[in-house]
């Protein structure tokens, strides 16, 4: 008989880096004790707000605080281990955020186009500008007239980077890139979204590296 999980973690529609963050808080706590279950959902409509808050790495402080509180409540015997793991993770993350900010600093003056509006939290943290999106609104594919407008923006603003996620259609992104001479950069919003994005830290490392490489090639 399968035992139900002792705790569940929900984050809306997208799994993102949650398994990675959970592992970093839970690891090295011994056998037995707390269990976790992660739920995911399909669809990508944003509703009344943008849900991609985990793409600001500073928000991991609040995310892991909630995870810690839940684990400590159901497994108090290991609460100090969870807390120590969280503190070690945040210390490492803080160091990496400084490195990522430094590497992305030259891109502050470079407008970027993306297929889908996944990036406001990422852009705010690293002072990047997304000048437009190929989707008419989240989840709605572009029309020919909308693509024409995006091409006009790219030419007027000198946009040389177009971002898409691995699951998003290549055709429209390739079309606007070909019309403007821009480079296509594939970024991940989730752990496992690209081969290099193995956990929460390497998710950002992979994305930062791809943007820096594209900016250097322009």
N, C-alpha and C. Protein backbone atom coordinates (compact mmCIF):
# COMPACT_ATOMS: atom_id res chain seq x y z
N UNK A 1 0.84 -1.20 0.00
CA UNK A 1 0.00 0.00 0.00
C UNK A 1 0.87 1.25 0.00
N UNK A 2 0.58 2.18 -0.87
CA UNK A 2 1.37 3.40 -0.97
C UNK A 2 0.92 4.38 0.09
N UNK A 3 1.86 4.87 0.88
CA UNK A 3 1.56 5.84 1.92
C UNK A 3 1.45 7.23 1.32
N UNK A 4 0.50 8.03 1.76
CA UNK A 4 0.39 9.40 1.24
C UNK A 4 1.54 10.25 1.73
N UNK A 5 1.88 11.30 0.99
CA UNK A 5 2.99 12.15 1.41
C UNK A 5 2.66 12.90 2.69
N UNK A 6 3.69 13.16 3.49
CA UNK A 6 3.50 13.91 4.72
C UNK A 6 3.40 15.40 4.47
N UNK A 7 3.89 15.83 3.31
CA UNK A 7 3.81 17.26 2.99
C UNK A 7 3.71 17.44 1.50
N UNK A 8 3.04 18.48 1.09
CA UNK A 8 2.95 18.82 -0.33
C UNK A 8 3.39 20.25 -0.54
N UNK A 9 4.01 20.51 -1.69
CA UNK A 9 4.47 21.86 -2.02
C UNK A 9 3.83 22.26 -3.33
N UNK A 10 3.07 23.34 -3.30
CA UNK A 10 2.43 23.84 -4.51
C UNK A 10 3.01 25.19 -4.87
N UNK A 11 3.15 25.44 -6.17
CA UNK A 11 3.65 26.74 -6.59
C UNK A 11 2.91 27.25 -7.81
N UNK A 12 1.65 26.89 -7.95
CA UNK A 12 0.91 27.35 -9.11
C UNK A 12 1.07 26.39 -10.26
N UNK A 13 1.33 26.93 -11.46
CA UNK A 13 1.29 26.12 -12.67
C UNK A 13 2.62 25.51 -13.05
N UNK A 14 3.74 25.97 -12.53
CA UNK A 14 5.02 25.60 -13.10
C UNK A 14 5.96 25.00 -12.06
N UNK A 15 6.63 23.86 -12.38
CA UNK A 15 7.51 23.21 -11.43
C UNK A 15 8.79 23.98 -11.18
N UNK A 16 9.34 24.63 -12.18
CA UNK A 16 10.53 25.47 -12.07
C UNK A 16 11.62 24.79 -11.29
N UNK A 17 12.25 25.49 -10.37
CA UNK A 17 13.37 24.96 -9.62
C UNK A 17 12.99 24.33 -8.30
N UNK A 18 11.72 24.06 -8.07
CA UNK A 18 11.29 23.57 -6.77
C UNK A 18 11.94 22.26 -6.36
N UNK A 19 12.01 21.24 -7.21
CA UNK A 19 12.68 20.02 -6.75
C UNK A 19 14.10 20.30 -6.30
N UNK A 20 14.82 21.16 -7.02
CA UNK A 20 16.20 21.49 -6.64
C UNK A 20 16.25 22.19 -5.30
N UNK A 21 15.39 23.19 -5.10
CA UNK A 21 15.38 23.91 -3.83
C UNK A 21 15.02 22.98 -2.68
N UNK A 22 14.06 22.09 -2.91
CA UNK A 22 13.69 21.15 -1.86
C UNK A 22 14.85 20.25 -1.49
N UNK A 23 15.55 19.73 -2.50
CA UNK A 23 16.68 18.84 -2.22
C UNK A 23 17.73 19.55 -1.38
N UNK A 24 17.96 20.83 -1.68
CA UNK A 24 19.00 21.55 -0.96
C UNK A 24 18.63 21.78 0.50
N UNK A 25 17.36 21.88 0.80
CA UNK A 25 16.94 22.04 2.19
C UNK A 25 16.87 20.69 2.90
N UNK A 26 16.48 19.63 2.17
CA UNK A 26 16.23 18.33 2.78
C UNK A 26 17.49 17.48 2.91
N UNK A 27 18.43 17.62 2.01
CA UNK A 27 19.54 16.67 1.90
C UNK A 27 20.32 16.54 3.22
N UNK A 28 20.94 15.38 3.39
CA UNK A 28 21.79 15.08 4.53
C UNK A 28 21.04 15.09 5.86
N UNK A 29 19.76 14.78 5.83
CA UNK A 29 18.97 14.77 7.05
C UNK A 29 18.72 13.35 7.54
N UNK A 30 19.36 12.37 6.89
CA UNK A 30 19.20 10.99 7.31
C UNK A 30 18.01 10.33 6.65
N UNK A 31 17.75 9.08 7.01
CA UNK A 31 16.64 8.34 6.42
C UNK A 31 15.37 8.56 7.22
N UNK A 32 14.24 8.24 6.60
CA UNK A 32 12.97 8.40 7.27
C UNK A 32 12.56 9.86 7.37
N UNK A 33 11.58 10.16 8.19
CA UNK A 33 11.17 11.55 8.42
C UNK A 33 10.29 12.06 7.30
N UNK A 34 10.51 13.33 6.94
CA UNK A 34 9.59 14.01 6.03
C UNK A 34 9.69 13.48 4.62
N UNK A 35 8.54 13.51 3.96
CA UNK A 35 8.49 13.18 2.54
C UNK A 35 7.89 14.37 1.83
N UNK A 36 8.11 14.48 0.53
CA UNK A 36 7.54 15.60 -0.20
C UNK A 36 6.90 15.13 -1.49
N UNK A 37 5.93 15.83 -1.94
CA UNK A 37 5.28 15.56 -3.21
C UNK A 37 5.16 16.88 -3.96
N UNK A 38 5.51 16.87 -5.23
CA UNK A 38 5.44 18.08 -6.04
C UNK A 38 4.34 17.92 -7.07
N UNK A 39 3.48 18.94 -7.19
CA UNK A 39 2.41 18.93 -8.20
C UNK A 39 2.77 19.90 -9.30
N UNK A 40 2.44 19.52 -10.50
CA UNK A 40 2.63 20.43 -11.62
C UNK A 40 1.31 20.54 -12.36
N UNK A 41 1.23 21.52 -13.22
CA UNK A 41 0.02 21.69 -14.02
C UNK A 41 0.39 22.13 -15.41
N UNK A 42 -0.53 22.02 -16.33
CA UNK A 42 -0.24 22.44 -17.69
C UNK A 42 -0.87 23.80 -17.94
N UNK A 43 -0.65 24.30 -19.13
CA UNK A 43 -1.16 25.62 -19.47
C UNK A 43 -0.15 26.69 -19.08
N UNK A 44 -0.33 27.87 -19.68
CA UNK A 44 0.65 28.92 -19.39
C UNK A 44 0.02 30.30 -19.35
N UNK A 45 -1.29 30.39 -19.16
CA UNK A 45 -1.93 31.70 -19.05
C UNK A 45 -1.49 32.36 -17.75
N UNK A 46 -1.26 33.66 -17.79
CA UNK A 46 -0.74 34.37 -16.63
C UNK A 46 -1.84 34.87 -15.71
N UNK A 47 -3.06 34.94 -16.16
CA UNK A 47 -4.12 35.45 -15.31
C UNK A 47 -3.88 36.92 -14.99
N UNK A 48 -3.99 37.27 -13.71
CA UNK A 48 -3.90 38.68 -13.31
C UNK A 48 -2.48 39.13 -13.00
N UNK A 49 -1.51 38.25 -13.09
CA UNK A 49 -0.13 38.63 -12.78
C UNK A 49 0.85 37.69 -13.43
N UNK A 50 2.13 38.02 -13.35
CA UNK A 50 3.16 37.16 -13.94
C UNK A 50 3.65 36.16 -12.90
N UNK A 51 3.57 34.86 -13.18
CA UNK A 51 3.87 33.85 -12.15
C UNK A 51 5.33 33.44 -12.05
N UNK A 52 6.23 34.02 -12.83
CA UNK A 52 7.59 33.48 -12.92
C UNK A 52 8.53 34.08 -11.87
N UNK A 53 8.06 34.15 -10.64
CA UNK A 53 8.79 34.87 -9.60
C UNK A 53 10.10 34.19 -9.20
N UNK A 54 10.23 32.89 -9.42
CA UNK A 54 11.46 32.19 -9.05
C UNK A 54 12.64 32.58 -9.94
N UNK A 55 12.36 33.29 -11.04
CA UNK A 55 13.45 33.69 -11.93
C UNK A 55 14.17 34.95 -11.44
N UNK A 56 13.75 35.51 -10.33
CA UNK A 56 14.60 36.42 -9.56
C UNK A 56 15.24 35.57 -8.47
N UNK A 57 16.54 35.29 -8.55
CA UNK A 57 17.14 34.37 -7.57
C UNK A 57 17.06 34.86 -6.13
N UNK A 58 16.90 36.17 -5.93
CA UNK A 58 16.75 36.67 -4.57
C UNK A 58 15.46 36.15 -3.93
N UNK A 59 14.48 35.81 -4.74
CA UNK A 59 13.23 35.30 -4.19
C UNK A 59 13.38 33.91 -3.59
N UNK A 60 14.52 33.26 -3.85
CA UNK A 60 14.76 31.96 -3.22
C UNK A 60 14.81 32.08 -1.70
N UNK A 61 15.12 33.25 -1.19
CA UNK A 61 15.12 33.45 0.26
C UNK A 61 13.73 33.21 0.84
N UNK A 62 12.71 33.73 0.17
CA UNK A 62 11.33 33.57 0.64
C UNK A 62 10.81 32.16 0.34
N UNK A 63 11.16 31.65 -0.83
CA UNK A 63 10.71 30.32 -1.22
C UNK A 63 11.23 29.27 -0.23
N UNK A 64 12.54 29.32 0.04
CA UNK A 64 13.13 28.32 0.93
C UNK A 64 12.67 28.52 2.38
N UNK A 65 12.33 29.76 2.76
CA UNK A 65 11.79 29.99 4.11
C UNK A 65 10.47 29.25 4.29
N UNK A 66 9.63 29.28 3.25
CA UNK A 66 8.36 28.56 3.31
C UNK A 66 8.57 27.05 3.35
N UNK A 67 9.52 26.58 2.53
CA UNK A 67 9.83 25.15 2.54
C UNK A 67 10.35 24.74 3.92
N UNK A 68 11.24 25.53 4.48
CA UNK A 68 11.80 25.23 5.80
C UNK A 68 10.70 25.17 6.85
N UNK A 69 9.80 26.13 6.83
CA UNK A 69 8.73 26.16 7.83
C UNK A 69 7.86 24.91 7.74
N UNK A 70 7.55 24.49 6.51
CA UNK A 70 6.73 23.30 6.35
C UNK A 70 7.44 22.04 6.81
N UNK A 71 8.72 21.91 6.45
CA UNK A 71 9.47 20.72 6.85
C UNK A 71 9.66 20.66 8.36
N UNK A 72 9.96 21.81 8.96
CA UNK A 72 10.17 21.84 10.41
C UNK A 72 8.88 21.51 11.15
N UNK A 73 7.74 21.87 10.58
CA UNK A 73 6.46 21.60 11.23
C UNK A 73 6.15 20.10 11.25
N UNK A 74 6.47 19.40 10.16
CA UNK A 74 6.13 17.97 10.10
C UNK A 74 7.27 17.08 10.56
N UNK A 75 8.48 17.64 10.65
CA UNK A 75 9.66 16.84 11.04
C UNK A 75 10.54 17.67 11.96
N UNK A 76 10.05 18.05 13.14
CA UNK A 76 10.81 18.95 14.01
C UNK A 76 12.15 18.41 14.46
N UNK A 77 12.30 17.09 14.50
CA UNK A 77 13.57 16.52 14.95
C UNK A 77 14.72 16.90 14.04
N UNK A 78 14.42 17.19 12.75
CA UNK A 78 15.48 17.53 11.80
C UNK A 78 15.46 19.01 11.41
N UNK A 79 14.75 19.83 12.18
CA UNK A 79 14.61 21.24 11.82
C UNK A 79 15.95 21.96 11.73
N UNK A 80 16.86 21.68 12.64
CA UNK A 80 18.15 22.37 12.62
C UNK A 80 18.95 22.00 11.38
N UNK A 81 18.83 20.76 10.92
CA UNK A 81 19.52 20.34 9.69
C UNK A 81 18.95 21.07 8.48
N UNK A 82 17.62 21.14 8.43
CA UNK A 82 16.99 21.88 7.33
C UNK A 82 17.44 23.34 7.32
N UNK A 83 17.47 23.94 8.48
CA UNK A 83 17.85 25.35 8.58
C UNK A 83 19.30 25.56 8.15
N UNK A 84 20.19 24.67 8.57
CA UNK A 84 21.59 24.78 8.20
C UNK A 84 21.77 24.61 6.69
N UNK A 85 21.04 23.66 6.12
CA UNK A 85 21.12 23.47 4.68
C UNK A 85 20.63 24.70 3.92
N UNK A 86 19.56 25.30 4.41
CA UNK A 86 19.03 26.51 3.77
C UNK A 86 20.05 27.64 3.85
N UNK A 87 20.63 27.84 5.01
CA UNK A 87 21.60 28.93 5.17
C UNK A 87 22.82 28.73 4.27
N UNK A 88 23.29 27.49 4.16
CA UNK A 88 24.43 27.22 3.28
C UNK A 88 24.08 27.47 1.82
N UNK A 89 22.87 27.06 1.44
CA UNK A 89 22.43 27.28 0.07
C UNK A 89 22.32 28.77 -0.24
N UNK A 90 21.72 29.54 0.65
CA UNK A 90 21.55 30.97 0.40
C UNK A 90 22.88 31.70 0.37
N UNK A 91 23.84 31.25 1.17
CA UNK A 91 25.17 31.88 1.13
C UNK A 91 25.83 31.66 -0.23
N UNK A 92 25.73 30.43 -0.72
CA UNK A 92 26.29 30.13 -2.04
C UNK A 92 25.54 30.89 -3.13
N UNK A 93 24.23 30.95 -3.03
CA UNK A 93 23.42 31.67 -4.01
C UNK A 93 23.77 33.16 -4.02
N UNK A 94 23.92 33.76 -2.84
CA UNK A 94 24.27 35.17 -2.78
C UNK A 94 25.57 35.49 -3.49
N UNK A 95 26.55 34.61 -3.33
CA UNK A 95 27.82 34.79 -4.03
C UNK A 95 27.62 34.72 -5.54
N UNK A 96 26.82 33.76 -5.99
CA UNK A 96 26.60 33.60 -7.42
C UNK A 96 25.81 34.77 -8.00
N UNK A 97 24.86 35.32 -7.24
CA UNK A 97 24.09 36.46 -7.75
C UNK A 97 25.02 37.62 -8.08
N UNK A 98 25.99 37.88 -7.21
CA UNK A 98 26.96 38.93 -7.49
C UNK A 98 27.74 38.68 -8.76
N UNK A 99 28.12 37.42 -8.98
CA UNK A 99 28.85 37.06 -10.20
C UNK A 99 27.96 37.25 -11.43
N UNK A 100 26.71 36.82 -11.34
CA UNK A 100 25.80 36.95 -12.48
C UNK A 100 25.52 38.41 -12.81
N UNK A 101 25.35 39.24 -11.78
CA UNK A 101 25.12 40.67 -12.01
C UNK A 101 26.30 41.30 -12.75
N UNK A 102 27.49 40.92 -12.36
CA UNK A 102 28.69 41.46 -13.01
C UNK A 102 28.78 41.00 -14.46
N UNK A 103 28.48 39.74 -14.72
CA UNK A 103 28.59 39.22 -16.08
C UNK A 103 27.54 39.83 -17.01
N UNK A 104 26.35 40.10 -16.45
CA UNK A 104 25.27 40.64 -17.28
C UNK A 104 25.27 42.16 -17.39
N UNK A 105 26.12 42.81 -16.63
CA UNK A 105 26.15 44.28 -16.64
C UNK A 105 26.28 44.87 -18.05
N UNK A 106 27.12 44.31 -18.93
CA UNK A 106 27.23 44.89 -20.28
C UNK A 106 25.96 44.79 -21.12
N UNK A 107 25.00 43.96 -20.71
CA UNK A 107 23.76 43.80 -21.48
C UNK A 107 22.68 44.81 -21.10
N UNK A 108 22.95 45.67 -20.13
CA UNK A 108 21.92 46.60 -19.66
C UNK A 108 21.46 47.54 -20.77
N UNK A 109 22.33 47.83 -21.72
CA UNK A 109 21.97 48.76 -22.79
C UNK A 109 21.47 48.05 -24.04
N UNK A 110 21.27 46.74 -23.97
CA UNK A 110 20.88 45.96 -25.14
C UNK A 110 19.44 45.48 -25.01
N UNK A 111 18.49 46.03 -25.76
CA UNK A 111 17.11 45.53 -25.70
C UNK A 111 17.02 44.11 -26.25
N UNK A 112 16.09 43.35 -25.68
CA UNK A 112 15.92 41.94 -26.02
C UNK A 112 14.46 41.69 -26.36
N UNK A 113 14.22 40.80 -27.31
CA UNK A 113 12.87 40.34 -27.63
C UNK A 113 12.76 38.89 -27.17
N UNK A 114 11.59 38.49 -26.65
CA UNK A 114 11.37 37.11 -26.25
C UNK A 114 10.07 36.61 -26.86
N UNK A 115 9.95 35.30 -26.97
CA UNK A 115 8.70 34.72 -27.47
C UNK A 115 7.58 34.89 -26.44
N UNK A 116 7.87 34.55 -25.21
CA UNK A 116 6.86 34.56 -24.14
C UNK A 116 7.35 35.42 -22.99
N UNK A 117 6.44 36.07 -22.31
CA UNK A 117 6.80 36.98 -21.22
C UNK A 117 7.05 36.23 -19.92
N UNK A 118 8.16 35.48 -19.91
CA UNK A 118 8.57 34.76 -18.70
C UNK A 118 9.54 35.55 -17.84
N UNK A 119 9.98 36.71 -18.28
CA UNK A 119 11.23 37.27 -17.78
C UNK A 119 11.18 38.54 -16.96
N UNK A 120 10.04 39.03 -16.48
CA UNK A 120 10.07 40.31 -15.75
C UNK A 120 10.87 40.27 -14.46
N UNK A 121 10.82 39.17 -13.72
CA UNK A 121 11.58 39.08 -12.48
C UNK A 121 13.07 38.96 -12.76
N UNK A 122 13.41 38.16 -13.74
CA UNK A 122 14.81 38.02 -14.16
C UNK A 122 15.34 39.35 -14.65
N UNK A 123 14.56 40.06 -15.46
CA UNK A 123 14.98 41.34 -16.02
C UNK A 123 15.17 42.39 -14.93
N UNK A 124 14.27 42.42 -13.98
CA UNK A 124 14.38 43.41 -12.90
C UNK A 124 15.62 43.16 -12.05
N UNK A 125 15.89 41.91 -11.74
CA UNK A 125 17.06 41.60 -10.92
C UNK A 125 18.36 41.99 -11.62
N UNK A 126 18.45 41.72 -12.92
CA UNK A 126 19.72 41.92 -13.63
C UNK A 126 19.70 43.15 -14.53
N UNK A 127 18.67 44.00 -14.38
CA UNK A 127 18.59 45.28 -15.08
C UNK A 127 18.63 45.10 -16.60
N UNK A 128 17.85 44.15 -17.09
CA UNK A 128 17.75 43.90 -18.52
C UNK A 128 16.44 44.48 -19.05
N UNK A 129 16.40 44.76 -20.34
CA UNK A 129 15.20 45.31 -20.96
C UNK A 129 14.66 44.35 -22.01
N UNK A 130 13.45 43.87 -21.80
CA UNK A 130 12.75 43.10 -22.82
C UNK A 130 11.81 44.05 -23.53
N UNK A 131 12.11 44.33 -24.79
CA UNK A 131 11.43 45.38 -25.54
C UNK A 131 10.11 44.92 -26.17
N UNK A 132 9.86 43.61 -26.17
CA UNK A 132 8.63 43.12 -26.77
C UNK A 132 8.60 41.60 -26.74
N UNK A 133 7.43 41.05 -27.09
CA UNK A 133 7.22 39.60 -27.05
C UNK A 133 6.48 39.16 -28.30
N UNK A 134 6.86 37.99 -28.81
CA UNK A 134 6.24 37.50 -30.03
C UNK A 134 4.79 37.11 -29.80
N UNK A 135 4.48 36.55 -28.66
CA UNK A 135 3.08 36.26 -28.37
C UNK A 135 2.30 37.57 -28.24
N UNK A 136 1.08 37.55 -28.73
CA UNK A 136 0.21 38.72 -28.60
C UNK A 136 -0.09 38.98 -27.13
N UNK A 137 -0.39 37.91 -26.40
CA UNK A 137 -0.48 37.90 -24.95
C UNK A 137 -0.12 36.49 -24.52
N UNK A 138 0.19 36.26 -23.24
CA UNK A 138 0.67 34.95 -22.84
C UNK A 138 -0.23 33.81 -23.30
N UNK A 139 0.36 32.89 -24.05
CA UNK A 139 -0.37 31.73 -24.55
C UNK A 139 -1.04 31.91 -25.89
N UNK A 140 -0.98 33.12 -26.46
CA UNK A 140 -1.62 33.39 -27.74
C UNK A 140 -0.55 33.59 -28.81
N UNK A 141 -0.45 32.71 -29.82
CA UNK A 141 0.60 32.81 -30.83
C UNK A 141 0.51 34.11 -31.62
N UNK A 142 1.62 34.53 -32.21
CA UNK A 142 1.62 35.80 -32.96
C UNK A 142 0.89 35.67 -34.29
N UNK A 143 0.29 36.78 -34.70
CA UNK A 143 -0.28 36.89 -36.04
C UNK A 143 0.78 37.49 -36.96
N UNK A 144 0.60 37.40 -38.28
CA UNK A 144 1.56 38.04 -39.19
C UNK A 144 1.72 39.53 -38.93
N UNK A 145 0.63 40.22 -38.62
CA UNK A 145 0.75 41.66 -38.38
C UNK A 145 1.52 41.95 -37.09
N UNK A 146 1.35 41.09 -36.09
CA UNK A 146 2.10 41.28 -34.85
C UNK A 146 3.59 41.03 -35.09
N UNK A 147 3.92 40.01 -35.86
CA UNK A 147 5.33 39.75 -36.18
C UNK A 147 5.93 40.93 -36.94
N UNK A 148 5.17 41.51 -37.85
CA UNK A 148 5.66 42.67 -38.59
C UNK A 148 5.96 43.82 -37.64
N UNK A 149 5.10 44.01 -36.65
CA UNK A 149 5.35 45.05 -35.66
C UNK A 149 6.58 44.78 -34.83
N UNK A 150 6.80 43.52 -34.46
CA UNK A 150 8.00 43.16 -33.70
C UNK A 150 9.26 43.42 -34.53
N UNK A 151 9.21 43.09 -35.79
CA UNK A 151 10.36 43.35 -36.67
C UNK A 151 10.65 44.84 -36.75
N UNK A 152 9.61 45.66 -36.81
CA UNK A 152 9.81 47.11 -36.83
C UNK A 152 10.48 47.57 -35.54
N UNK A 153 10.02 47.05 -34.41
CA UNK A 153 10.65 47.40 -33.12
C UNK A 153 12.11 46.99 -33.10
N UNK A 154 12.39 45.78 -33.57
CA UNK A 154 13.76 45.29 -33.55
C UNK A 154 14.68 46.14 -34.41
N UNK A 155 14.21 46.53 -35.57
CA UNK A 155 15.03 47.36 -36.44
C UNK A 155 15.21 48.75 -35.86
N UNK A 156 14.15 49.30 -35.28
CA UNK A 156 14.23 50.65 -34.73
C UNK A 156 15.12 50.69 -33.49
N UNK A 157 15.08 49.63 -32.67
CA UNK A 157 15.82 49.62 -31.42
C UNK A 157 17.17 48.93 -31.53
N UNK A 158 17.44 48.34 -32.68
CA UNK A 158 18.71 47.62 -32.83
C UNK A 158 18.77 46.35 -32.00
N UNK A 159 17.65 45.65 -31.88
CA UNK A 159 17.60 44.41 -31.09
C UNK A 159 18.39 43.33 -31.81
N UNK A 160 19.28 42.69 -31.08
CA UNK A 160 20.12 41.66 -31.68
C UNK A 160 20.03 40.32 -30.96
N UNK A 161 19.11 40.21 -30.00
CA UNK A 161 18.93 38.95 -29.28
C UNK A 161 17.43 38.65 -29.20
N UNK A 162 17.05 37.44 -29.62
CA UNK A 162 15.68 36.95 -29.49
C UNK A 162 15.71 35.69 -28.63
N UNK A 163 14.93 35.69 -27.58
CA UNK A 163 14.94 34.60 -26.61
C UNK A 163 13.71 33.71 -26.82
N UNK A 164 13.94 32.42 -26.78
CA UNK A 164 12.83 31.47 -26.71
C UNK A 164 13.18 30.38 -25.70
N UNK A 165 12.16 29.71 -25.20
CA UNK A 165 12.35 28.58 -24.31
C UNK A 165 12.34 27.29 -25.12
N UNK A 166 12.91 26.21 -24.60
CA UNK A 166 13.07 24.99 -25.40
C UNK A 166 11.77 24.44 -25.97
N UNK A 167 10.66 24.60 -25.27
CA UNK A 167 9.40 24.02 -25.73
C UNK A 167 8.64 24.93 -26.69
N UNK A 168 9.12 26.14 -26.88
CA UNK A 168 8.40 27.10 -27.71
C UNK A 168 8.73 26.91 -29.18
N UNK A 169 7.79 27.26 -30.07
CA UNK A 169 8.00 27.02 -31.50
C UNK A 169 9.17 27.81 -32.05
N UNK A 170 9.95 27.16 -32.90
CA UNK A 170 11.14 27.80 -33.47
C UNK A 170 10.79 28.72 -34.65
N UNK A 171 9.73 28.41 -35.38
CA UNK A 171 9.50 29.05 -36.68
C UNK A 171 9.43 30.57 -36.58
N UNK A 172 8.57 31.09 -35.72
CA UNK A 172 8.38 32.54 -35.65
C UNK A 172 9.62 33.25 -35.11
N UNK A 173 10.28 32.62 -34.16
CA UNK A 173 11.51 33.20 -33.62
C UNK A 173 12.58 33.26 -34.72
N UNK A 174 12.73 32.18 -35.46
CA UNK A 174 13.70 32.15 -36.54
C UNK A 174 13.37 33.18 -37.62
N UNK A 175 12.07 33.38 -37.85
CA UNK A 175 11.65 34.32 -38.88
C UNK A 175 12.07 35.75 -38.53
N UNK A 176 11.76 36.20 -37.31
CA UNK A 176 12.11 37.58 -36.95
C UNK A 176 13.62 37.74 -36.83
N UNK A 177 14.31 36.69 -36.39
CA UNK A 177 15.77 36.75 -36.30
C UNK A 177 16.38 36.89 -37.69
N UNK A 178 15.87 36.11 -38.65
CA UNK A 178 16.39 36.16 -40.01
C UNK A 178 16.14 37.53 -40.65
N UNK A 179 14.99 38.12 -40.37
CA UNK A 179 14.64 39.42 -40.95
C UNK A 179 15.47 40.57 -40.37
N UNK A 180 16.01 40.38 -39.18
CA UNK A 180 16.71 41.49 -38.51
C UNK A 180 18.18 41.22 -38.24
N UNK A 181 18.63 40.01 -38.54
CA UNK A 181 20.03 39.68 -38.27
C UNK A 181 20.32 39.41 -36.81
N UNK A 182 19.29 39.11 -36.03
CA UNK A 182 19.46 38.86 -34.60
C UNK A 182 19.88 37.41 -34.34
N UNK A 183 20.41 37.18 -33.16
CA UNK A 183 20.75 35.83 -32.71
C UNK A 183 19.62 35.27 -31.88
N UNK A 184 19.35 33.98 -32.03
CA UNK A 184 18.36 33.29 -31.22
C UNK A 184 19.06 32.65 -30.03
N UNK A 185 18.57 32.94 -28.84
CA UNK A 185 19.14 32.38 -27.61
C UNK A 185 18.06 31.56 -26.92
N UNK A 186 18.36 30.31 -26.64
CA UNK A 186 17.42 29.43 -25.95
C UNK A 186 17.74 29.46 -24.45
N UNK A 187 16.77 29.91 -23.66
CA UNK A 187 16.91 29.98 -22.21
C UNK A 187 15.90 29.06 -21.55
N UNK A 188 16.22 28.60 -20.37
CA UNK A 188 15.34 27.72 -19.61
C UNK A 188 14.70 28.49 -18.46
N UNK A 189 13.44 28.23 -18.23
CA UNK A 189 12.78 28.77 -17.04
C UNK A 189 12.67 27.72 -15.94
N UNK A 190 12.99 26.48 -16.25
CA UNK A 190 12.84 25.41 -15.28
C UNK A 190 14.11 24.58 -15.18
N UNK A 191 14.33 24.04 -14.00
CA UNK A 191 15.39 23.06 -13.83
C UNK A 191 15.10 21.87 -14.74
N UNK A 192 16.11 21.46 -15.51
CA UNK A 192 15.92 20.39 -16.48
C UNK A 192 15.46 20.87 -17.83
N UNK A 193 15.18 22.17 -17.96
CA UNK A 193 14.71 22.70 -19.23
C UNK A 193 15.77 22.66 -20.31
N UNK A 194 17.04 22.73 -19.92
CA UNK A 194 18.18 22.57 -20.80
C UNK A 194 19.16 21.61 -20.14
N UNK A 195 20.00 20.93 -20.90
CA UNK A 195 20.91 19.95 -20.31
C UNK A 195 21.78 20.50 -19.18
N UNK A 196 22.20 21.76 -19.31
CA UNK A 196 23.07 22.32 -18.27
C UNK A 196 22.34 22.77 -17.03
N UNK A 197 21.03 22.89 -17.09
CA UNK A 197 20.25 23.41 -15.96
C UNK A 197 19.84 22.26 -15.04
N UNK A 198 20.80 21.75 -14.30
CA UNK A 198 20.59 20.56 -13.48
C UNK A 198 19.96 20.88 -12.13
N UNK A 199 20.15 22.09 -11.64
CA UNK A 199 19.57 22.50 -10.38
C UNK A 199 19.33 24.01 -10.43
N UNK A 200 18.91 24.59 -9.32
CA UNK A 200 18.52 26.00 -9.32
C UNK A 200 19.70 26.90 -9.67
N UNK A 201 20.87 26.62 -9.13
CA UNK A 201 22.04 27.45 -9.43
C UNK A 201 22.46 27.33 -10.88
N UNK A 202 22.51 26.11 -11.39
CA UNK A 202 22.95 25.93 -12.78
C UNK A 202 21.89 26.39 -13.77
N UNK A 203 20.63 26.51 -13.35
CA UNK A 203 19.61 27.13 -14.21
C UNK A 203 20.04 28.55 -14.56
N UNK A 204 20.42 29.34 -13.57
CA UNK A 204 20.85 30.71 -13.82
C UNK A 204 22.21 30.74 -14.51
N UNK A 205 23.10 29.86 -14.12
CA UNK A 205 24.42 29.83 -14.75
C UNK A 205 24.29 29.57 -16.25
N UNK A 206 23.42 28.65 -16.61
CA UNK A 206 23.20 28.34 -18.03
C UNK A 206 22.62 29.53 -18.78
N UNK A 207 21.61 30.18 -18.21
CA UNK A 207 20.97 31.31 -18.88
C UNK A 207 21.90 32.50 -19.00
N UNK A 208 22.61 32.80 -17.93
CA UNK A 208 23.55 33.93 -17.96
C UNK A 208 24.63 33.68 -19.00
N UNK A 209 25.17 32.47 -19.03
CA UNK A 209 26.21 32.16 -20.00
C UNK A 209 25.73 32.30 -21.43
N UNK A 210 24.50 31.85 -21.70
CA UNK A 210 23.96 31.94 -23.06
C UNK A 210 23.77 33.39 -23.48
N UNK A 211 23.28 34.24 -22.59
CA UNK A 211 23.08 35.66 -22.93
C UNK A 211 24.40 36.37 -23.14
N UNK A 212 25.35 36.10 -22.29
CA UNK A 212 26.66 36.74 -22.42
C UNK A 212 27.33 36.33 -23.72
N UNK A 213 27.22 35.06 -24.06
CA UNK A 213 27.82 34.58 -25.31
C UNK A 213 27.17 35.24 -26.50
N UNK A 214 25.83 35.34 -26.48
CA UNK A 214 25.13 35.97 -27.61
C UNK A 214 25.48 37.44 -27.73
N UNK A 215 25.58 38.13 -26.61
CA UNK A 215 25.92 39.56 -26.65
C UNK A 215 27.33 39.78 -27.17
N UNK A 216 28.22 38.86 -26.84
CA UNK A 216 29.58 38.99 -27.32
C UNK A 216 29.74 38.72 -28.79
N UNK A 217 28.78 37.98 -29.37
CA UNK A 217 28.86 37.61 -30.78
C UNK A 217 28.18 38.62 -31.68
N UNK A 218 27.51 39.61 -31.12
CA UNK A 218 26.72 40.53 -31.94
C UNK A 218 27.63 41.54 -32.67
